[in-house]
């Protein structure tokens, strides 16, 4: 379960003072981690994995908002 450890490290990392290229890389890493966990989740249906994916997705969305700006209606 190395991917779970990587996900926890990602969630614990601070996101302040990052450059745009750092944010792009973090967004890509988050997507890669979520997709890897999803493959494990499909087989095990472990609710802890789902919660981990939700937390990663939330952090990824925050990074994406910072990259793209807030949407305007």
N, C-alpha and C. Protein backbone atom coordinates (compact mmCIF):
# COMPACT_ATOMS: atom_id res chain seq x y z
N UNK A 1 0.83 -1.19 0.00
CA UNK A 1 0.00 0.00 0.00
C UNK A 1 0.88 1.26 0.00
N UNK A 2 1.85 1.26 -0.87
CA UNK A 2 2.75 2.40 -0.99
C UNK A 2 2.01 3.64 -1.48
N UNK A 3 1.00 3.45 -2.33
CA UNK A 3 0.26 4.59 -2.86
C UNK A 3 -0.52 5.31 -1.77
N UNK A 4 -0.99 4.57 -0.77
CA UNK A 4 -1.71 5.18 0.35
C UNK A 4 -0.76 6.06 1.15
N UNK A 5 0.45 5.59 1.35
CA UNK A 5 1.45 6.38 2.07
C UNK A 5 1.77 7.66 1.28
N UNK A 6 1.88 7.53 -0.03
CA UNK A 6 2.15 8.69 -0.88
C UNK A 6 0.99 9.69 -0.81
N UNK A 7 -0.23 9.17 -0.76
CA UNK A 7 -1.41 10.04 -0.66
C UNK A 7 -1.40 10.80 0.67
N UNK A 8 -1.05 10.13 1.75
CA UNK A 8 -1.00 10.79 3.06
C UNK A 8 0.06 11.89 3.06
N UNK A 9 1.21 11.62 2.46
CA UNK A 9 2.26 12.63 2.37
C UNK A 9 1.78 13.83 1.57
N UNK A 10 1.03 13.56 0.49
CA UNK A 10 0.50 14.65 -0.33
C UNK A 10 -0.47 15.50 0.46
N UNK A 11 -1.34 14.85 1.23
CA UNK A 11 -2.33 15.59 2.02
C UNK A 11 -1.67 16.40 3.14
N UNK A 12 -0.57 15.90 3.68
CA UNK A 12 0.10 16.59 4.78
C UNK A 12 1.02 17.72 4.32
N UNK A 13 1.34 17.76 3.04
CA UNK A 13 2.27 18.76 2.52
C UNK A 13 1.64 20.16 2.55
N UNK A 14 2.47 21.15 2.81
CA UNK A 14 2.01 22.54 2.81
C UNK A 14 1.98 23.05 1.38
N UNK A 15 1.02 23.90 1.09
CA UNK A 15 0.84 24.38 -0.26
C UNK A 15 1.13 25.88 -0.39
N UNK A 16 1.79 26.48 0.57
CA UNK A 16 2.06 27.91 0.49
C UNK A 16 3.40 28.16 -0.17
N UNK A 17 3.49 29.28 -0.87
CA UNK A 17 4.74 29.69 -1.48
C UNK A 17 5.17 28.86 -2.66
N UNK A 18 4.23 28.34 -3.42
CA UNK A 18 4.55 27.50 -4.57
C UNK A 18 4.49 28.30 -5.85
N UNK A 19 5.34 27.95 -6.80
CA UNK A 19 5.28 28.58 -8.11
C UNK A 19 4.17 27.92 -8.94
N UNK A 20 3.87 28.52 -10.06
CA UNK A 20 2.83 27.98 -10.94
C UNK A 20 3.21 26.59 -11.42
N UNK A 21 4.46 26.39 -11.79
CA UNK A 21 4.87 25.07 -12.28
C UNK A 21 4.79 24.03 -11.16
N UNK A 22 5.05 24.43 -9.92
CA UNK A 22 4.89 23.51 -8.79
C UNK A 22 3.44 23.11 -8.63
N UNK A 23 2.54 24.06 -8.77
CA UNK A 23 1.10 23.78 -8.65
C UNK A 23 0.63 22.84 -9.76
N UNK A 24 1.11 23.05 -10.97
CA UNK A 24 0.75 22.18 -12.09
C UNK A 24 1.21 20.76 -11.80
N UNK A 25 2.44 20.62 -11.32
CA UNK A 25 2.98 19.30 -11.01
C UNK A 25 2.18 18.64 -9.88
N UNK A 26 1.82 19.40 -8.85
CA UNK A 26 1.03 18.85 -7.75
C UNK A 26 -0.35 18.40 -8.22
N UNK A 27 -0.95 19.17 -9.12
CA UNK A 27 -2.26 18.80 -9.65
C UNK A 27 -2.17 17.49 -10.43
N UNK A 28 -1.12 17.33 -11.20
CA UNK A 28 -0.93 16.09 -11.97
C UNK A 28 -0.67 14.91 -11.03
N UNK A 29 0.13 15.16 -9.99
CA UNK A 29 0.41 14.10 -9.02
C UNK A 29 -0.86 13.66 -8.31
N UNK A 30 -1.70 14.63 -7.94
CA UNK A 30 -2.95 14.30 -7.26
C UNK A 30 -3.83 13.44 -8.15
N UNK A 31 -3.92 13.79 -9.42
CA UNK A 31 -4.74 13.01 -10.35
C UNK A 31 -4.20 11.58 -10.47
N UNK A 32 -2.88 11.45 -10.58
CA UNK A 32 -2.26 10.14 -10.70
C UNK A 32 -2.53 9.28 -9.46
N UNK A 33 -2.43 9.89 -8.29
CA UNK A 33 -2.65 9.17 -7.04
C UNK A 33 -4.11 8.73 -6.93
N UNK A 34 -5.03 9.64 -7.25
CA UNK A 34 -6.46 9.31 -7.15
C UNK A 34 -6.80 8.16 -8.10
N UNK A 35 -6.27 8.19 -9.31
CA UNK A 35 -6.57 7.12 -10.26
C UNK A 35 -5.98 5.79 -9.80
N UNK A 36 -4.81 5.82 -9.20
CA UNK A 36 -4.20 4.59 -8.70
C UNK A 36 -5.02 4.02 -7.53
N UNK A 37 -5.45 4.89 -6.64
CA UNK A 37 -6.27 4.44 -5.51
C UNK A 37 -7.61 3.91 -6.01
N UNK A 38 -8.14 4.54 -7.04
CA UNK A 38 -9.43 4.11 -7.59
C UNK A 38 -9.35 2.67 -8.11
N UNK A 39 -8.24 2.32 -8.73
CA UNK A 39 -8.08 0.95 -9.22
C UNK A 39 -8.10 -0.05 -8.05
N UNK A 40 -7.48 0.31 -6.95
CA UNK A 40 -7.50 -0.56 -5.76
C UNK A 40 -8.91 -0.60 -5.17
N UNK A 41 -9.57 0.57 -5.15
CA UNK A 41 -10.91 0.65 -4.58
C UNK A 41 -11.91 -0.21 -5.35
N UNK A 42 -11.76 -0.29 -6.66
CA UNK A 42 -12.68 -1.08 -7.47
C UNK A 42 -12.73 -2.53 -7.03
N UNK A 43 -11.59 -3.03 -6.56
CA UNK A 43 -11.52 -4.43 -6.13
C UNK A 43 -11.92 -4.61 -4.68
N UNK A 44 -11.50 -3.68 -3.81
CA UNK A 44 -11.69 -3.90 -2.37
C UNK A 44 -12.94 -3.25 -1.79
N UNK A 45 -13.42 -2.16 -2.40
CA UNK A 45 -14.59 -1.41 -1.91
C UNK A 45 -14.39 -0.95 -0.45
N UNK A 46 -13.14 -0.62 -0.10
CA UNK A 46 -12.81 -0.16 1.24
C UNK A 46 -13.24 1.30 1.40
N UNK A 47 -14.13 1.61 2.36
CA UNK A 47 -14.60 2.99 2.52
C UNK A 47 -13.50 3.98 2.90
N UNK A 48 -12.43 3.50 3.54
CA UNK A 48 -11.31 4.39 3.88
C UNK A 48 -10.62 4.90 2.61
N UNK A 49 -10.54 4.05 1.60
CA UNK A 49 -9.95 4.49 0.34
C UNK A 49 -10.81 5.55 -0.33
N UNK A 50 -12.12 5.40 -0.23
CA UNK A 50 -13.02 6.41 -0.80
C UNK A 50 -12.84 7.75 -0.10
N UNK A 51 -12.72 7.74 1.21
CA UNK A 51 -12.51 8.98 1.96
C UNK A 51 -11.18 9.62 1.58
N UNK A 52 -10.17 8.80 1.37
CA UNK A 52 -8.86 9.30 0.97
C UNK A 52 -8.94 9.95 -0.41
N UNK A 53 -9.67 9.32 -1.32
CA UNK A 53 -9.84 9.90 -2.66
C UNK A 53 -10.60 11.22 -2.59
N UNK A 54 -11.60 11.30 -1.73
CA UNK A 54 -12.36 12.54 -1.58
C UNK A 54 -11.47 13.67 -1.06
N UNK A 55 -10.63 13.37 -0.09
CA UNK A 55 -9.73 14.37 0.47
C UNK A 55 -8.71 14.84 -0.58
N UNK A 56 -8.19 13.90 -1.35
CA UNK A 56 -7.24 14.25 -2.41
C UNK A 56 -7.90 15.12 -3.48
N UNK A 57 -9.13 14.77 -3.83
CA UNK A 57 -9.86 15.53 -4.85
C UNK A 57 -10.12 16.95 -4.37
N UNK A 58 -10.46 17.10 -3.10
CA UNK A 58 -10.71 18.43 -2.55
C UNK A 58 -9.44 19.28 -2.61
N UNK A 59 -8.31 18.70 -2.24
CA UNK A 59 -7.05 19.44 -2.27
C UNK A 59 -6.67 19.77 -3.71
N UNK A 60 -6.92 18.85 -4.63
CA UNK A 60 -6.64 19.09 -6.04
C UNK A 60 -7.49 20.23 -6.57
N UNK A 61 -8.75 20.27 -6.17
CA UNK A 61 -9.63 21.35 -6.62
C UNK A 61 -9.13 22.70 -6.13
N UNK A 62 -8.64 22.75 -4.91
CA UNK A 62 -8.09 24.00 -4.37
C UNK A 62 -6.87 24.44 -5.17
N UNK A 63 -6.03 23.50 -5.54
CA UNK A 63 -4.86 23.83 -6.35
C UNK A 63 -5.30 24.33 -7.72
N UNK A 64 -6.29 23.66 -8.32
CA UNK A 64 -6.78 24.04 -9.65
C UNK A 64 -7.40 25.43 -9.64
N UNK A 65 -8.13 25.76 -8.58
CA UNK A 65 -8.73 27.09 -8.47
C UNK A 65 -7.62 28.14 -8.43
N UNK A 66 -6.58 27.84 -7.71
CA UNK A 66 -5.45 28.76 -7.61
C UNK A 66 -4.76 28.92 -8.97
N UNK A 67 -4.74 27.87 -9.76
CA UNK A 67 -4.12 27.93 -11.09
C UNK A 67 -4.98 28.69 -12.10
N UNK A 68 -6.26 28.35 -12.13
CA UNK A 68 -7.15 28.86 -13.16
C UNK A 68 -7.92 30.10 -12.74
N UNK A 69 -7.98 30.37 -11.46
CA UNK A 69 -8.78 31.48 -10.98
C UNK A 69 -10.20 31.01 -10.68
N UNK A 70 -10.90 31.79 -9.91
CA UNK A 70 -12.29 31.44 -9.56
C UNK A 70 -13.19 31.63 -10.76
N UNK A 71 -14.11 30.70 -10.99
CA UNK A 71 -15.02 30.85 -12.13
C UNK A 71 -16.00 32.00 -11.90
N UNK A 72 -16.29 32.72 -12.96
CA UNK A 72 -17.26 33.81 -12.87
C UNK A 72 -18.48 33.45 -13.70
N UNK A 73 -19.63 33.86 -13.23
CA UNK A 73 -20.87 33.55 -13.95
C UNK A 73 -21.29 34.68 -14.85
